[in-house]
């Protein structure tokens, strides 16, 4: 495999989009089912503009999609496979040694 800077830069961009505790929470919550911005705002106790910015980062990275319904915007997880990556992270946190390819 050769070093393809553009490819690894794109990977880093997506990982950076996930690199915030609130955004990680949103991804896990949206894996359960779609939510409107107002619900997510209440869950994390932040103002709506901050929540919208976090959701925008995840949407721009291609992780979430949104749909406007009346005055509300609903978000859902576009890439549920990202949860496999979280499973690998949990293995590292738990100090597990993974000797085979995980489902990441």
PDB file of N, CA and C in Angstrom:
ATOM      1  N   UNK A   1       0.852  -1.179   0.000  1.00  0.00           N
ATOM      2  CA  UNK A   1       0.000   0.000   0.000  1.00  0.00           C
ATOM      3  C   UNK A   1       0.895   1.239   0.000  1.00  0.00           C
ATOM      4  N   UNK A   2       0.586   2.148  -0.866  1.00  0.00           N
ATOM      5  CA  UNK A   2       1.380   3.362  -0.927  1.00  0.00           C
ATOM      6  C   UNK A   2       0.684   4.475  -0.152  1.00  0.00           C
ATOM      7  N   UNK A   3       1.456   5.463   0.204  1.00  0.00           N
ATOM      8  CA  UNK A   3       0.935   6.606   0.961  1.00  0.00           C
ATOM      9  C   UNK A   3       0.199   7.539   0.010  1.00  0.00           C
ATOM     10  N   UNK A   4      -1.095   7.662   0.226  1.00  0.00           N
ATOM     11  CA  UNK A   4      -1.940   8.554  -0.557  1.00  0.00           C
ATOM     12  C   UNK A   4      -2.412   9.655   0.384  1.00  0.00           C
ATOM     13  N   UNK A   5      -1.722  10.786   0.351  1.00  0.00           N
ATOM     14  CA  UNK A   5      -1.989  11.856   1.309  1.00  0.00           C
ATOM     15  C   UNK A   5      -3.447  12.313   1.273  1.00  0.00           C
ATOM     16  N   UNK A   6      -4.024  12.426   0.106  1.00  0.00           N
ATOM     17  CA  UNK A   6      -5.410  12.891  -0.003  1.00  0.00           C
ATOM     18  C   UNK A   6      -6.361  11.931   0.705  1.00  0.00           C
ATOM     19  N   UNK A   7      -6.115  10.650   0.542  1.00  0.00           N
ATOM     20  CA  UNK A   7      -6.966   9.641   1.188  1.00  0.00           C
ATOM     21  C   UNK A   7      -6.868   9.727   2.711  1.00  0.00           C
ATOM     22  N   UNK A   8      -5.653   9.814   3.224  1.00  0.00           N
ATOM     23  CA  UNK A   8      -5.471   9.880   4.677  1.00  0.00           C
ATOM     24  C   UNK A   8      -5.937  11.220   5.241  1.00  0.00           C
ATOM     25  N   UNK A   9      -5.848  12.264   4.450  1.00  0.00           N
ATOM     26  CA  UNK A   9      -6.381  13.564   4.869  1.00  0.00           C
ATOM     27  C   UNK A   9      -7.892  13.480   5.012  1.00  0.00           C
ATOM     28  N   UNK A  10      -8.542  12.801   4.099  1.00  0.00           N
ATOM     29  CA  UNK A  10      -9.996  12.623   4.170  1.00  0.00           C
ATOM     30  C   UNK A  10     -10.381  11.794   5.402  1.00  0.00           C
ATOM     31  N   UNK A  11      -9.625  10.750   5.683  1.00  0.00           N
ATOM     32  CA  UNK A  11      -9.875   9.963   6.898  1.00  0.00           C
ATOM     33  C   UNK A  11      -9.753  10.837   8.139  1.00  0.00           C
ATOM     34  N   UNK A  12      -8.709  11.640   8.184  1.00  0.00           N
ATOM     35  CA  UNK A  12      -8.480  12.515   9.344  1.00  0.00           C
ATOM     36  C   UNK A  12      -9.615  13.515   9.502  1.00  0.00           C
ATOM     37  N   UNK A  13     -10.151  14.021   8.393  1.00  0.00           N
ATOM     38  CA  UNK A  13     -11.264  14.976   8.444  1.00  0.00           C
ATOM     39  C   UNK A  13     -12.493  14.342   9.105  1.00  0.00           C
ATOM     40  N   UNK A  14     -12.762  13.106   8.771  1.00  0.00           N
ATOM     41  CA  UNK A  14     -13.920  12.417   9.354  1.00  0.00           C
ATOM     42  C   UNK A  14     -13.683  12.125  10.827  1.00  0.00           C
ATOM     43  N   UNK A  15     -12.487  11.691  11.168  1.00  0.00           N
ATOM     44  CA  UNK A  15     -12.169  11.418  12.576  1.00  0.00           C
ATOM     45  C   UNK A  15     -12.246  12.701  13.396  1.00  0.00           C
ATOM     46  N   UNK A  16     -11.764  13.814  12.842  1.00  0.00           N
ATOM     47  CA  UNK A  16     -11.847  15.099  13.534  1.00  0.00           C
ATOM     48  C   UNK A  16     -13.300  15.494  13.782  1.00  0.00           C
ATOM     49  N   UNK A  17     -14.176  15.194  12.836  1.00  0.00           N
ATOM     50  CA  UNK A  17     -15.596  15.517  13.010  1.00  0.00           C
ATOM     51  C   UNK A  17     -16.183  14.770  14.203  1.00  0.00           C
ATOM     52  N   UNK A  18     -15.670  13.600  14.491  1.00  0.00           N
ATOM     53  CA  UNK A  18     -16.154  12.803  15.619  1.00  0.00           C
ATOM     54  C   UNK A  18     -15.491  13.188  16.938  1.00  0.00           C
ATOM     55  N   UNK A  19     -14.421  13.948  16.875  1.00  0.00           N
ATOM     56  CA  UNK A  19     -13.557  14.185  18.029  1.00  0.00           C
ATOM     57  C   UNK A  19     -14.102  15.220  19.009  1.00  0.00           C
ATOM     58  N   UNK A  20     -15.302  14.981  19.486  1.00  0.00           N
ATOM     59  CA  UNK A  20     -15.888  15.825  20.533  1.00  0.00           C
ATOM     60  C   UNK A  20     -16.903  14.978  21.288  1.00  0.00           C
ATOM     61  N   UNK A  21     -16.909  15.041  22.620  1.00  0.00           N
ATOM     62  CA  UNK A  21     -17.830  14.196  23.397  1.00  0.00           C
ATOM     63  C   UNK A  21     -19.300  14.368  23.019  1.00  0.00           C
ATOM     64  N   UNK A  22     -19.735  15.584  22.761  1.00  0.00           N
ATOM     65  CA  UNK A  22     -21.138  15.809  22.399  1.00  0.00           C
ATOM     66  C   UNK A  22     -21.451  15.157  21.056  1.00  0.00           C
ATOM     67  N   UNK A  23     -20.554  15.276  20.100  1.00  0.00           N
ATOM     68  CA  UNK A  23     -20.795  14.677  18.789  1.00  0.00           C
ATOM     69  C   UNK A  23     -20.789  13.155  18.868  1.00  0.00           C
ATOM     70  N   UNK A  24     -19.922  12.594  19.703  1.00  0.00           N
ATOM     71  CA  UNK A  24     -19.933  11.142  19.900  1.00  0.00           C
ATOM     72  C   UNK A  24     -21.269  10.696  20.494  1.00  0.00           C
ATOM     73  N   UNK A  25     -21.780  11.468  21.452  1.00  0.00           N
ATOM     74  CA  UNK A  25     -23.087  11.161  22.039  1.00  0.00           C
ATOM     75  C   UNK A  25     -24.178  11.216  20.970  1.00  0.00           C
ATOM     76  N   UNK A  26     -24.157  12.251  20.139  1.00  0.00           N
ATOM     77  CA  UNK A  26     -25.171  12.383  19.093  1.00  0.00           C
ATOM     78  C   UNK A  26     -25.157  11.182  18.155  1.00  0.00           C
ATOM     79  N   UNK A  27     -23.981  10.738  17.758  1.00  0.00           N
ATOM     80  CA  UNK A  27     -23.890   9.594  16.848  1.00  0.00           C
ATOM     81  C   UNK A  27     -24.510   8.362  17.502  1.00  0.00           C
ATOM     82  N   UNK A  28     -24.176   8.108  18.754  1.00  0.00           N
ATOM     83  CA  UNK A  28     -24.759   6.944  19.435  1.00  0.00           C
ATOM     84  C   UNK A  28     -26.262   7.089  19.599  1.00  0.00           C
ATOM     85  N   UNK A  29     -26.722   8.263  19.952  1.00  0.00           N
ATOM     86  CA  UNK A  29     -28.155   8.487  20.136  1.00  0.00           C
ATOM     87  C   UNK A  29     -28.899   8.343  18.807  1.00  0.00           C
ATOM     88  N   UNK A  30     -28.339   8.884  17.745  1.00  0.00           N
ATOM     89  CA  UNK A  30     -28.989   8.808  16.447  1.00  0.00           C
ATOM     90  C   UNK A  30     -28.909   7.414  15.829  1.00  0.00           C
ATOM     91  N   UNK A  31     -28.049   6.574  16.358  1.00  0.00           N
ATOM     92  CA  UNK A  31     -28.020   5.168  15.932  1.00  0.00           C
ATOM     93  C   UNK A  31     -29.276   4.445  16.419  1.00  0.00           C
ATOM     94  N   UNK A  32     -29.851   4.937  17.518  1.00  0.00           N
ATOM     95  CA  UNK A  32     -31.072   4.340  18.057  1.00  0.00           C
ATOM     96  C   UNK A  32     -32.275   4.720  17.201  1.00  0.00           C
ATOM     97  N   UNK A  33     -32.419   6.006  16.909  1.00  0.00           N
ATOM     98  CA  UNK A  33     -33.471   6.507  16.017  1.00  0.00           C
ATOM     99  C   UNK A  33     -33.265   7.989  15.781  1.00  0.00           C
ATOM    100  N   UNK A  34     -33.960   8.491  14.766  1.00  0.00           N
ATOM    101  CA  UNK A  34     -33.807   9.908  14.436  1.00  0.00           C
ATOM    102  C   UNK A  34     -34.321  10.778  15.575  1.00  0.00           C
ATOM    103  N   UNK A  35     -33.789  11.980  15.630  1.00  0.00           N
ATOM    104  CA  UNK A  35     -34.188  12.943  16.671  1.00  0.00           C
ATOM    105  C   UNK A  35     -34.249  14.333  16.052  1.00  0.00           C
ATOM    106  N   UNK A  36     -35.112  15.155  16.619  1.00  0.00           N
ATOM    107  CA  UNK A  36     -35.127  16.554  16.197  1.00  0.00           C
ATOM    108  C   UNK A  36     -34.081  17.317  17.010  1.00  0.00           C
ATOM    109  N   UNK A  37     -33.693  18.456  16.496  1.00  0.00           N
ATOM    110  CA  UNK A  37     -32.690  19.277  17.161  1.00  0.00           C
ATOM    111  C   UNK A  37     -33.140  19.617  18.579  1.00  0.00           C
ATOM    112  N   UNK A  38     -34.425  19.888  18.750  1.00  0.00           N
ATOM    113  CA  UNK A  38     -34.927  20.262  20.079  1.00  0.00           C
ATOM    114  C   UNK A  38     -34.727  19.131  21.086  1.00  0.00           C
ATOM    115  N   UNK A  39     -34.917  17.879  20.677  1.00  0.00           N
ATOM    116  CA  UNK A  39     -34.703  16.740  21.583  1.00  0.00           C
ATOM    117  C   UNK A  39     -33.224  16.623  21.966  1.00  0.00           C
ATOM    118  N   UNK A  40     -32.355  16.744  20.969  1.00  0.00           N
ATOM    119  CA  UNK A  40     -30.920  16.633  21.238  1.00  0.00           C
ATOM    120  C   UNK A  40     -30.443  17.778  22.125  1.00  0.00           C
ATOM    121  N   UNK A  41     -31.004  18.960  21.923  1.00  0.00           N
ATOM    122  CA  UNK A  41     -30.661  20.117  22.751  1.00  0.00           C
ATOM    123  C   UNK A  41     -31.009  19.844  24.210  1.00  0.00           C
ATOM    124  N   UNK A  42     -32.186  19.303  24.443  1.00  0.00           N
ATOM    125  CA  UNK A  42     -32.613  18.988  25.813  1.00  0.00           C
ATOM    126  C   UNK A  42     -31.742  17.908  26.438  1.00  0.00           C
ATOM    127  N   UNK A  43     -31.294  16.954  25.641  1.00  0.00           N
ATOM    128  CA  UNK A  43     -30.479  15.845  26.159  1.00  0.00           C
ATOM    129  C   UNK A  43     -29.113  16.299  26.656  1.00  0.00           C
ATOM    130  N   UNK A  44     -28.516  17.262  25.976  1.00  0.00           N
ATOM    131  CA  UNK A  44     -27.161  17.676  26.352  1.00  0.00           C
ATOM    132  C   UNK A  44     -27.116  18.976  27.137  1.00  0.00           C
ATOM    133  N   UNK A  45     -28.240  19.678  27.199  1.00  0.00           N
ATOM    134  CA  UNK A  45     -28.298  20.900  27.999  1.00  0.00           C
ATOM    135  C   UNK A  45     -27.503  22.062  27.439  1.00  0.00           C
ATOM    136  N   UNK A  46     -27.332  22.085  26.130  1.00  0.00           N
ATOM    137  CA  UNK A  46     -26.627  23.193  25.482  1.00  0.00           C
ATOM    138  C   UNK A  46     -27.639  24.037  24.719  1.00  0.00           C
ATOM    139  N   UNK A  47     -27.230  25.226  24.303  1.00  0.00           N
ATOM    140  CA  UNK A  47     -28.147  26.062  23.534  1.00  0.00           C
ATOM    141  C   UNK A  47     -28.270  25.501  22.118  1.00  0.00           C
ATOM    142  N   UNK A  48     -29.367  25.857  21.475  1.00  0.00           N
ATOM    143  CA  UNK A  48     -29.692  25.290  20.167  1.00  0.00           C
ATOM    144  C   UNK A  48     -28.648  25.628  19.104  1.00  0.00           C
ATOM    145  N   UNK A  49     -28.034  26.792  19.181  1.00  0.00           N
ATOM    146  CA  UNK A  49     -27.032  27.146  18.163  1.00  0.00           C
ATOM    147  C   UNK A  49     -25.788  26.271  18.287  1.00  0.00           C
ATOM    148  N   UNK A  50     -25.386  25.958  19.513  1.00  0.00           N
ATOM    149  CA  UNK A  50     -24.228  25.079  19.724  1.00  0.00           C
ATOM    150  C   UNK A  50     -24.526  23.675  19.222  1.00  0.00           C
ATOM    151  N   UNK A  51     -25.713  23.184  19.544  1.00  0.00           N
ATOM    152  CA  UNK A  51     -26.120  21.851  19.090  1.00  0.00           C
ATOM    153  C   UNK A  51     -26.163  21.815  17.559  1.00  0.00           C
ATOM    154  N   UNK A  52     -26.720  22.832  16.961  1.00  0.00           N
ATOM    155  CA  UNK A  52     -26.800  22.890  15.498  1.00  0.00           C
ATOM    156  C   UNK A  52     -25.413  22.896  14.861  1.00  0.00           C
ATOM    157  N   UNK A  53     -24.472  23.591  15.473  1.00  0.00           N
ATOM    158  CA  UNK A  53     -23.098  23.606  14.946  1.00  0.00           C
ATOM    159  C   UNK A  53     -22.482  22.212  15.005  1.00  0.00           C
ATOM    160  N   UNK A  54     -22.665  21.521  16.136  1.00  0.00           N
ATOM    161  CA  UNK A  54     -22.143  20.154  16.260  1.00  0.00           C
ATOM    162  C   UNK A  54     -22.768  19.240  15.208  1.00  0.00           C
ATOM    163  N   UNK A  55     -24.068  19.337  15.033  1.00  0.00           N
ATOM    164  CA  UNK A  55     -24.754  18.510  14.048  1.00  0.00           C
ATOM    165  C   UNK A  55     -24.286  18.850  12.639  1.00  0.00           C
ATOM    166  N   UNK A  56     -24.033  20.117  12.379  1.00  0.00           N
ATOM    167  CA  UNK A  56     -23.531  20.539  11.078  1.00  0.00           C
ATOM    168  C   UNK A  56     -22.169  19.945  10.746  1.00  0.00           C
ATOM    169  N   UNK A  57     -21.317  19.858  11.752  1.00  0.00           N
ATOM    170  CA  UNK A  57     -19.991  19.251  11.552  1.00  0.00           C
ATOM    171  C   UNK A  57     -20.147  17.790  11.141  1.00  0.00           C
ATOM    172  N   UNK A  58     -21.028  17.077  11.831  1.00  0.00           N
ATOM    173  CA  UNK A  58     -21.245  15.661  11.519  1.00  0.00           C
ATOM    174  C   UNK A  58     -21.912  15.485  10.153  1.00  0.00           C
ATOM    175  N   UNK A  59     -22.804  16.378   9.819  1.00  0.00           N
ATOM    176  CA  UNK A  59     -23.468  16.311   8.508  1.00  0.00           C
ATOM    177  C   UNK A  59     -22.461  16.576   7.392  1.00  0.00           C
ATOM    178  N   UNK A  60     -21.635  17.591   7.568  1.00  0.00           N
ATOM    179  CA  UNK A  60     -20.630  17.934   6.551  1.00  0.00           C
ATOM    180  C   UNK A  60     -19.650  16.784   6.322  1.00  0.00           C
ATOM    181  N   UNK A  61     -19.381  16.016   7.384  1.00  0.00           N
ATOM    182  CA  UNK A  61     -18.469  14.881   7.276  1.00  0.00           C
ATOM    183  C   UNK A  61     -19.132  13.667   6.629  1.00  0.00           C
ATOM    184  N   UNK A  62     -20.448  13.747   6.387  1.00  0.00           N
ATOM    185  CA  UNK A  62     -21.144  12.628   5.754  1.00  0.00           C
ATOM    186  C   UNK A  62     -21.615  11.571   6.725  1.00  0.00           C
ATOM    187  N   UNK A  63     -21.659  11.907   8.008  1.00  0.00           N
ATOM    188  CA  UNK A  63     -22.042  10.944   9.036  1.00  0.00           C
ATOM    189  C   UNK A  63     -23.545  11.003   9.305  1.00  0.00           C
ATOM    190  N   UNK A  64     -24.127  12.190   9.195  1.00  0.00           N
ATOM    191  CA  UNK A  64     -25.554  12.395   9.440  1.00  0.00           C
ATOM    192  C   UNK A  64     -26.234  12.985   8.212  1.00  0.00           C
ATOM    193  N   UNK A  65     -27.546  12.818   8.169  1.00  0.00           N
ATOM    194  CA  UNK A  65     -28.388  13.531   7.206  1.00  0.00           C
ATOM    195  C   UNK A  65     -29.506  14.196   7.988  1.00  0.00           C
ATOM    196  N   UNK A  66     -30.063  15.243   7.408  1.00  0.00           N
ATOM    197  CA  UNK A  66     -31.156  15.931   8.078  1.00  0.00           C
ATOM    198  C   UNK A  66     -32.350  16.062   7.156  1.00  0.00           C
ATOM    199  N   UNK A  67     -33.497  16.314   7.776  1.00  0.00           N
ATOM    200  CA  UNK A  67     -34.732  16.521   7.031  1.00  0.00           C
ATOM    201  C   UNK A  67     -35.560  17.550   7.784  1.00  0.00           C
ATOM    202  N   UNK A  68     -35.938  18.579   7.073  1.00  0.00           N
ATOM    203  CA  UNK A  68     -36.757  19.626   7.687  1.00  0.00           C
ATOM    204  C   UNK A  68     -38.223  19.241   7.565  1.00  0.00           C
ATOM    205  N   UNK A  69     -38.933  19.323   8.690  1.00  0.00           N
ATOM    206  CA  UNK A  69     -40.361  19.037   8.732  1.00  0.00           C
ATOM    207  C   UNK A  69     -41.033  20.190   9.466  1.00  0.00           C
ATOM    208  N   UNK A  70     -41.657  21.045   8.721  1.00  0.00           N
ATOM    209  CA  UNK A  70     -42.247  22.235   9.326  1.00  0.00           C
ATOM    210  C   UNK A  70     -41.149  23.120   9.882  1.00  0.00           C
ATOM    211  N   UNK A  71     -41.254  23.430  11.172  1.00  0.00           N
ATOM    212  CA  UNK A  71     -40.244  24.261  11.835  1.00  0.00           C
ATOM    213  C   UNK A  71     -39.129  23.450  12.467  1.00  0.00           C
ATOM    214  N   UNK A  72     -39.208  22.127  12.406  1.00  0.00           N
ATOM    215  CA  UNK A  72     -38.220  21.285  13.068  1.00  0.00           C
ATOM    216  C   UNK A  72     -37.299  20.616  12.052  1.00  0.00           C
ATOM    217  N   UNK A  73     -36.071  20.373  12.496  1.00  0.00           N
ATOM    218  CA  UNK A  73     -35.105  19.645  11.685  1.00  0.00           C
ATOM    219  C   UNK A  73     -34.789  18.344  12.414  1.00  0.00           C
ATOM    220  N   UNK A  74     -34.924  17.242  11.691  1.00  0.00           N
ATOM    221  CA  UNK A  74     -34.655  15.917  12.242  1.00  0.00           C
ATOM    222  C   UNK A  74     -33.358  15.387  11.647  1.00  0.00           C
ATOM    223  N   UNK A  75     -32.567  14.735  12.474  1.00  0.00           N
ATOM    224  CA  UNK A  75     -31.303  14.147  12.042  1.00  0.00           C
ATOM    225  C   UNK A  75     -31.362  12.646  12.209  1.00  0.00           C
ATOM    226  N   UNK A  76     -30.669  11.963  11.305  1.00  0.00           N
ATOM    227  CA  UNK A  76     -30.501  10.522  11.450  1.00  0.00           C
ATOM    228  C   UNK A  76     -29.090  10.136  11.023  1.00  0.00           C
ATOM    229  N   UNK A  77     -28.656   9.002  11.505  1.00  0.00           N
ATOM    230  CA  UNK A  77     -27.321   8.501  11.210  1.00  0.00           C
ATOM    231  C   UNK A  77     -27.302   7.932   9.800  1.00  0.00           C
ATOM    232  N   UNK A  78     -26.420   8.439   8.977  1.00  0.00           N
ATOM    233  CA  UNK A  78     -26.282   7.976   7.602  1.00  0.00           C
ATOM    234  C   UNK A  78     -25.348   6.771   7.511  1.00  0.00           C
ATOM    235  N   UNK A  79     -24.395   6.699   8.429  1.00  0.00           N
ATOM    236  CA  UNK A  79     -23.368   5.659   8.369  1.00  0.00           C
ATOM    237  C   UNK A  79     -23.334   4.845   9.665  1.00  0.00           C
ATOM    238  N   UNK A  80     -24.288   3.917   9.852  1.00  0.00           N
ATOM    239  CA  UNK A  80     -24.306   3.142  11.087  1.00  0.00           C
ATOM    240  C   UNK A  80     -23.048   2.294  11.293  1.00  0.00           C
ATOM    241  N   UNK A  81     -22.287   2.050  10.232  1.00  0.00           N
ATOM    242  CA  UNK A  81     -21.059   1.267  10.380  1.00  0.00           C
ATOM    243  C   UNK A  81     -20.046   1.974  11.279  1.00  0.00           C
ATOM    244  N   UNK A  82     -20.241   3.266  11.520  1.00  0.00           N
ATOM    245  CA  UNK A  82     -19.334   4.013  12.401  1.00  0.00           C
ATOM    246  C   UNK A  82     -19.348   3.418  13.802  1.00  0.00           C
ATOM    247  N   UNK A  83     -20.435   2.749  14.166  1.00  0.00           N
ATOM    248  CA  UNK A  83     -20.532   2.113  15.483  1.00  0.00           C
ATOM    249  C   UNK A  83     -19.525   0.981  15.615  1.00  0.00           C
ATOM    250  N   UNK A  84     -19.146   0.346  14.511  1.00  0.00           N
ATOM    251  CA  UNK A  84     -18.096  -0.678  14.554  1.00  0.00           C
ATOM    252  C   UNK A  84     -16.773  -0.064  15.006  1.00  0.00           C
ATOM    253  N   UNK A  85     -16.503   1.127  14.516  1.00  0.00           N
ATOM    254  CA  UNK A  85     -15.302   1.864  14.916  1.00  0.00           C
ATOM    255  C   UNK A  85     -15.348   2.131  16.416  1.00  0.00           C
ATOM    256  N   UNK A  86     -16.527   2.498  16.924  1.00  0.00           N
ATOM    257  CA  UNK A  86     -16.673   2.740  18.359  1.00  0.00           C
ATOM    258  C   UNK A  86     -16.387   1.465  19.150  1.00  0.00           C
ATOM    259  N   UNK A  87     -16.798   0.320  18.619  1.00  0.00           N
ATOM    260  CA  UNK A  87     -16.507  -0.955  19.288  1.00  0.00           C
ATOM    261  C   UNK A  87     -15.015  -1.186  19.411  1.00  0.00           C
ATOM    262  N   UNK A  88     -14.277  -0.846  18.382  1.00  0.00           N
ATOM    263  CA  UNK A  88     -12.818  -0.975  18.436  1.00  0.00           C
ATOM    264  C   UNK A  88     -12.230  -0.025  19.479  1.00  0.00           C
ATOM    265  N   UNK A  89     -12.772   1.191  19.554  1.00  0.00           N
ATOM    266  CA  UNK A  89     -12.310   2.156  20.553  1.00  0.00           C
ATOM    267  C   UNK A  89     -12.562   1.620  21.962  1.00  0.00           C
ATOM    268  N   UNK A  90     -13.737   1.018  22.167  1.00  0.00           N
ATOM    269  CA  UNK A  90     -14.061   0.452  23.487  1.00  0.00           C
ATOM    270  C   UNK A  90     -13.080  -0.659  23.855  1.00  0.00           C
ATOM    271  N   UNK A  91     -12.655  -1.441  22.880  1.00  0.00           N
ATOM    272  CA  UNK A  91     -11.662  -2.494  23.144  1.00  0.00           C
ATOM    273  C   UNK A  91     -10.350  -1.878  23.617  1.00  0.00           C
ATOM    274  N   UNK A  92      -9.939  -0.786  22.998  1.00  0.00           N
ATOM    275  CA  UNK A  92      -8.711  -0.103  23.412  1.00  0.00           C
ATOM    276  C   UNK A  92      -8.874   0.461  24.826  1.00  0.00           C
ATOM    277  N   UNK A  93     -10.012   1.095  25.089  1.00  0.00           N
ATOM    278  CA  UNK A  93     -10.276   1.650  26.424  1.00  0.00           C
ATOM    279  C   UNK A  93     -10.219   0.557  27.480  1.00  0.00           C
ATOM    280  N   UNK A  94     -10.779  -0.609  27.140  1.00  0.00           N
ATOM    281  CA  UNK A  94     -10.809  -1.723  28.081  1.00  0.00           C
ATOM    282  C   UNK A  94      -9.497  -2.474  28.193  1.00  0.00           C
ATOM    283  N   UNK A  95      -8.501  -2.055  27.443  1.00  0.00           N
ATOM    284  CA  UNK A  95      -7.201  -2.704  27.511  1.00  0.00           C
ATOM    285  C   UNK A  95      -7.180  -4.089  26.893  1.00  0.00           C
ATOM    286  N   UNK A  96      -8.145  -4.367  26.040  1.00  0.00           N
ATOM    287  CA  UNK A  96      -8.216  -5.672  25.397  1.00  0.00           C
ATOM    288  C   UNK A  96      -7.175  -5.782  24.292  1.00  0.00           C
ATOM    289  N   UNK A  97      -6.661  -6.974  24.122  1.00  0.00           N
ATOM    290  CA  UNK A  97      -5.778  -7.247  23.016  1.00  0.00           C
ATOM    291  C   UNK A  97      -6.612  -7.926  21.943  1.00  0.00           C
ATOM    292  N   UNK A  98      -6.675  -7.307  20.797  1.00  0.00           N
ATOM    293  CA  UNK A  98      -7.446  -7.860  19.698  1.00  0.00           C
ATOM    294  C   UNK A  98      -6.454  -8.487  18.734  1.00  0.00           C
ATOM    295  N   UNK A  99      -6.493  -9.809  18.631  1.00  0.00           N
ATOM    296  CA  UNK A  99      -5.517 -10.508  17.797  1.00  0.00           C
ATOM    297  C   UNK A  99      -6.053 -10.805  16.412  1.00  0.00           C
ATOM    298  N   UNK A 100      -7.339 -10.600  16.201  1.00  0.00           N
ATOM    299  CA  UNK A 100      -7.917 -10.802  14.869  1.00  0.00           C
ATOM    300  C   UNK A 100      -8.501  -9.473  14.421  1.00  0.00           C
ATOM    301  N   UNK A 101      -8.843  -9.421  13.174  1.00  0.00           N
ATOM    302  CA  UNK A 101      -9.492  -8.208  12.673  1.00  0.00           C
ATOM    303  C   UNK A 101     -10.843  -8.079  13.334  1.00  0.00           C
ATOM    304  N   UNK A 102     -11.064  -6.951  13.985  1.00  0.00           N
ATOM    305  CA  UNK A 102     -12.373  -6.739  14.584  1.00  0.00           C
ATOM    306  C   UNK A 102     -13.337  -6.357  13.476  1.00  0.00           C
ATOM    307  N   UNK A 103     -14.600  -6.205  13.832  1.00  0.00           N
ATOM    308  CA  UNK A 103     -15.631  -5.899  12.832  1.00  0.00           C
ATOM    309  C   UNK A 103     -15.603  -4.432  12.425  1.00  0.00           C
ATOM    310  N   UNK A 104     -14.496  -3.766  12.655  1.00  0.00           N
ATOM    311  CA  UNK A 104     -14.386  -2.341  12.323  1.00  0.00           C
ATOM    312  C   UNK A 104     -14.351  -2.141  10.839  1.00  0.00           C
TER     313      UNK A 104
END
